[in-house]
């Protein structure tokens, strides 16, 4: 998202305001652990967690109205990047599809 800010700011200064149409994405790595987050999680109403919290290897899908709106992970790469790609392409991921535990389909596309 940060790489888009300069362009948006320049357009605004030229009197051509434009919306930011990217998916927020954050990551950090410290002490051999990685944390990643993507999406707009404000107002989520449920969280589906897959993986092992005790082992610090998990993914959390934040949902609102039966759709995934954000995702966070710890040591569960590259799932957050895949979700960001799907959401950035304007596709949706349904809550029912992440509740199953099998998210291998996410590598290629969003929910049907």
C-alpha atoms as a PDB file:
ATOM      1  CA  UNK A   1       0.000   0.000   0.000  1.00  0.00           C
ATOM      2  CA  UNK A   2       2.826   2.409   0.781  1.00  0.00           C
ATOM      3  CA  UNK A   3       4.109   2.210  -2.782  1.00  0.00           C
ATOM      4  CA  UNK A   4       0.781   3.654  -3.980  1.00  0.00           C
ATOM      5  CA  UNK A   5       0.653   6.603  -1.564  1.00  0.00           C
ATOM      6  CA  UNK A   6       3.128   8.749  -3.524  1.00  0.00           C
ATOM      7  CA  UNK A   7       1.127   8.403  -6.729  1.00  0.00           C
ATOM      8  CA  UNK A   8      -2.171   9.167  -4.978  1.00  0.00           C
ATOM      9  CA  UNK A   9      -0.647  12.193  -3.201  1.00  0.00           C
ATOM     10  CA  UNK A  10       0.762  13.543  -6.477  1.00  0.00           C
ATOM     11  CA  UNK A  11      -2.572  13.140  -8.259  1.00  0.00           C
ATOM     12  CA  UNK A  12      -4.329  14.956  -5.416  1.00  0.00           C
ATOM     13  CA  UNK A  13      -1.848  17.852  -5.601  1.00  0.00           C
ATOM     14  CA  UNK A  14      -2.563  18.105  -9.327  1.00  0.00           C
ATOM     15  CA  UNK A  15      -6.301  18.387  -8.625  1.00  0.00           C
ATOM     16  CA  UNK A  16      -7.026  14.802  -9.699  1.00  0.00           C
ATOM     17  CA  UNK A  17      -8.067  13.049  -6.477  1.00  0.00           C
ATOM     18  CA  UNK A  18      -8.103   9.283  -6.706  1.00  0.00           C
ATOM     19  CA  UNK A  19      -9.130   6.438  -4.413  1.00  0.00           C
ATOM     20  CA  UNK A  20      -6.602   3.958  -3.108  1.00  0.00           C
ATOM     21  CA  UNK A  21      -7.702   0.597  -4.466  1.00  0.00           C
ATOM     22  CA  UNK A  22      -5.126  -1.648  -2.850  1.00  0.00           C
ATOM     23  CA  UNK A  23      -5.450  -4.125  -0.008  1.00  0.00           C
ATOM     24  CA  UNK A  24      -3.632  -3.052   3.175  1.00  0.00           C
ATOM     25  CA  UNK A  25      -0.747  -5.427   3.872  1.00  0.00           C
ATOM     26  CA  UNK A  26       1.643  -5.560   6.816  1.00  0.00           C
ATOM     27  CA  UNK A  27       4.375  -7.974   7.793  1.00  0.00           C
ATOM     28  CA  UNK A  28       7.161  -8.226  10.299  1.00  0.00           C
ATOM     29  CA  UNK A  29       9.816 -10.794  11.123  1.00  0.00           C
ATOM     30  CA  UNK A  30      11.646 -11.037  14.435  1.00  0.00           C
ATOM     31  CA  UNK A  31      13.449 -13.798  16.275  1.00  0.00           C
ATOM     32  CA  UNK A  32      12.638 -16.362  13.604  1.00  0.00           C
ATOM     33  CA  UNK A  33       8.901 -15.617  13.619  1.00  0.00           C
ATOM     34  CA  UNK A  34       6.873 -13.921  10.896  1.00  0.00           C
ATOM     35  CA  UNK A  35       3.588 -12.116  11.321  1.00  0.00           C
ATOM     36  CA  UNK A  36       1.494 -10.962   8.353  1.00  0.00           C
ATOM     37  CA  UNK A  37      -1.819  -9.154   7.992  1.00  0.00           C
ATOM     38  CA  UNK A  38      -3.900  -8.124   4.988  1.00  0.00           C
ATOM     39  CA  UNK A  39      -7.355  -6.663   4.487  1.00  0.00           C
ATOM     40  CA  UNK A  40      -9.867  -4.338   6.091  1.00  0.00           C
ATOM     41  CA  UNK A  41     -10.800  -6.012   9.385  1.00  0.00           C
ATOM     42  CA  UNK A  42     -12.772  -3.134  10.892  1.00  0.00           C
ATOM     43  CA  UNK A  43     -16.173  -4.365  12.076  1.00  0.00           C
ATOM     44  CA  UNK A  44     -15.443  -8.090  11.764  1.00  0.00           C
ATOM     45  CA  UNK A  45     -17.991 -10.343  13.488  1.00  0.00           C
ATOM     46  CA  UNK A  46     -16.137 -13.671  13.659  1.00  0.00           C
ATOM     47  CA  UNK A  47     -12.639 -15.147  13.470  1.00  0.00           C
ATOM     48  CA  UNK A  48     -11.845 -18.602  12.099  1.00  0.00           C
ATOM     49  CA  UNK A  49      -8.465 -19.894  13.251  1.00  0.00           C
ATOM     50  CA  UNK A  50      -6.602 -22.718  11.565  1.00  0.00           C
ATOM     51  CA  UNK A  51      -3.302 -24.137  12.710  1.00  0.00           C
ATOM     52  CA  UNK A  52      -1.708 -24.387  16.129  1.00  0.00           C
ATOM     53  CA  UNK A  53      -1.758 -21.384  18.476  1.00  0.00           C
ATOM     54  CA  UNK A  54       0.552 -23.095  20.983  1.00  0.00           C
ATOM     55  CA  UNK A  55       3.161 -23.732  18.280  1.00  0.00           C
ATOM     56  CA  UNK A  56       2.751 -20.160  16.942  1.00  0.00           C
ATOM     57  CA  UNK A  57       1.862 -21.471  13.472  1.00  0.00           C
ATOM     58  CA  UNK A  58      -1.632 -20.360  12.537  1.00  0.00           C
ATOM     59  CA  UNK A  59      -3.834 -18.282  10.265  1.00  0.00           C
ATOM     60  CA  UNK A  60      -6.829 -16.228  11.441  1.00  0.00           C
ATOM     61  CA  UNK A  61      -9.568 -15.301   8.968  1.00  0.00           C
ATOM     62  CA  UNK A  62     -11.598 -12.253  10.026  1.00  0.00           C
ATOM     63  CA  UNK A  63     -15.144 -12.382   8.641  1.00  0.00           C
ATOM     64  CA  UNK A  64     -18.050  -9.987   8.338  1.00  0.00           C
ATOM     65  CA  UNK A  65     -21.448 -11.030   6.977  1.00  0.00           C
ATOM     66  CA  UNK A  66     -20.178 -14.433   5.829  1.00  0.00           C
ATOM     67  CA  UNK A  67     -17.211 -13.041   3.862  1.00  0.00           C
ATOM     68  CA  UNK A  68     -13.522 -12.913   4.752  1.00  0.00           C
ATOM     69  CA  UNK A  69     -12.490  -9.261   5.125  1.00  0.00           C
ATOM     70  CA  UNK A  70      -8.985  -9.709   6.555  1.00  0.00           C
ATOM     71  CA  UNK A  71      -6.448 -12.345   7.469  1.00  0.00           C
ATOM     72  CA  UNK A  72      -3.556 -12.540   9.923  1.00  0.00           C
ATOM     73  CA  UNK A  73      -0.959 -15.257  10.262  1.00  0.00           C
ATOM     74  CA  UNK A  74       2.062 -16.300  12.221  1.00  0.00           C
ATOM     75  CA  UNK A  75       4.582 -18.589  10.512  1.00  0.00           C
ATOM     76  CA  UNK A  76       1.922 -19.710   8.016  1.00  0.00           C
ATOM     77  CA  UNK A  77       3.300 -18.248   4.798  1.00  0.00           C
ATOM     78  CA  UNK A  78       2.303 -17.552   2.042  1.00  0.00           C
ATOM     79  CA  UNK A  79      -1.430 -17.600   2.859  1.00  0.00           C
ATOM     80  CA  UNK A  80      -1.748 -13.883   3.698  1.00  0.00           C
ATOM     81  CA  UNK A  81      -0.143 -12.909   0.394  1.00  0.00           C
ATOM     82  CA  UNK A  82      -2.556 -15.208  -1.456  1.00  0.00           C
ATOM     83  CA  UNK A  83      -5.565 -13.696   0.321  1.00  0.00           C
ATOM     84  CA  UNK A  84      -4.310 -10.186  -0.509  1.00  0.00           C
ATOM     85  CA  UNK A  85      -4.049 -11.178  -4.186  1.00  0.00           C
ATOM     86  CA  UNK A  86      -7.591 -12.585  -4.201  1.00  0.00           C
ATOM     87  CA  UNK A  87      -9.097  -9.553  -2.451  1.00  0.00           C
ATOM     88  CA  UNK A  88      -7.058  -7.186  -4.612  1.00  0.00           C
ATOM     89  CA  UNK A  89      -8.506  -8.830  -7.723  1.00  0.00           C
ATOM     90  CA  UNK A  90     -11.992  -7.975  -6.457  1.00  0.00           C
ATOM     91  CA  UNK A  91     -12.896 -11.585  -5.642  1.00  0.00           C
ATOM     92  CA  UNK A  92     -14.516 -12.705  -2.406  1.00  0.00           C
ATOM     93  CA  UNK A  93     -13.659 -15.494  -0.008  1.00  0.00           C
ATOM     94  CA  UNK A  94     -16.651 -16.998   1.756  1.00  0.00           C
ATOM     95  CA  UNK A  95     -16.585 -17.886   5.440  1.00  0.00           C
ATOM     96  CA  UNK A  96     -17.895 -21.376   4.661  1.00  0.00           C
ATOM     97  CA  UNK A  97     -14.842 -22.042   2.491  1.00  0.00           C
ATOM     98  CA  UNK A  98     -12.301 -21.316   5.235  1.00  0.00           C
ATOM     99  CA  UNK A  99     -14.301 -23.132   7.926  1.00  0.00           C
ATOM    100  CA  UNK A 100     -13.635 -26.485   6.234  1.00  0.00           C
ATOM    101  CA  UNK A 101      -9.951 -26.410   7.123  1.00  0.00           C
ATOM    102  CA  UNK A 102      -8.909 -27.138   3.520  1.00  0.00           C
ATOM    103  CA  UNK A 103      -7.667 -23.873   2.048  1.00  0.00           C
ATOM    104  CA  UNK A 104      -5.604 -25.368  -0.777  1.00  0.00           C
ATOM    105  CA  UNK A 105      -8.122 -23.949  -3.288  1.00  0.00           C
ATOM    106  CA  UNK A 106      -7.095 -20.453  -2.187  1.00  0.00           C
ATOM    107  CA  UNK A 107      -3.814 -20.751  -4.050  1.00  0.00           C
ATOM    108  CA  UNK A 108      -5.647 -20.213  -7.358  1.00  0.00           C
ATOM    109  CA  UNK A 109      -8.797 -18.199  -6.719  1.00  0.00           C
ATOM    110  CA  UNK A 110     -11.475 -16.846  -4.400  1.00  0.00           C
ATOM    111  CA  UNK A 111     -14.774 -18.531  -3.575  1.00  0.00           C
ATOM    112  CA  UNK A 112     -17.081 -19.489  -6.405  1.00  0.00           C
END
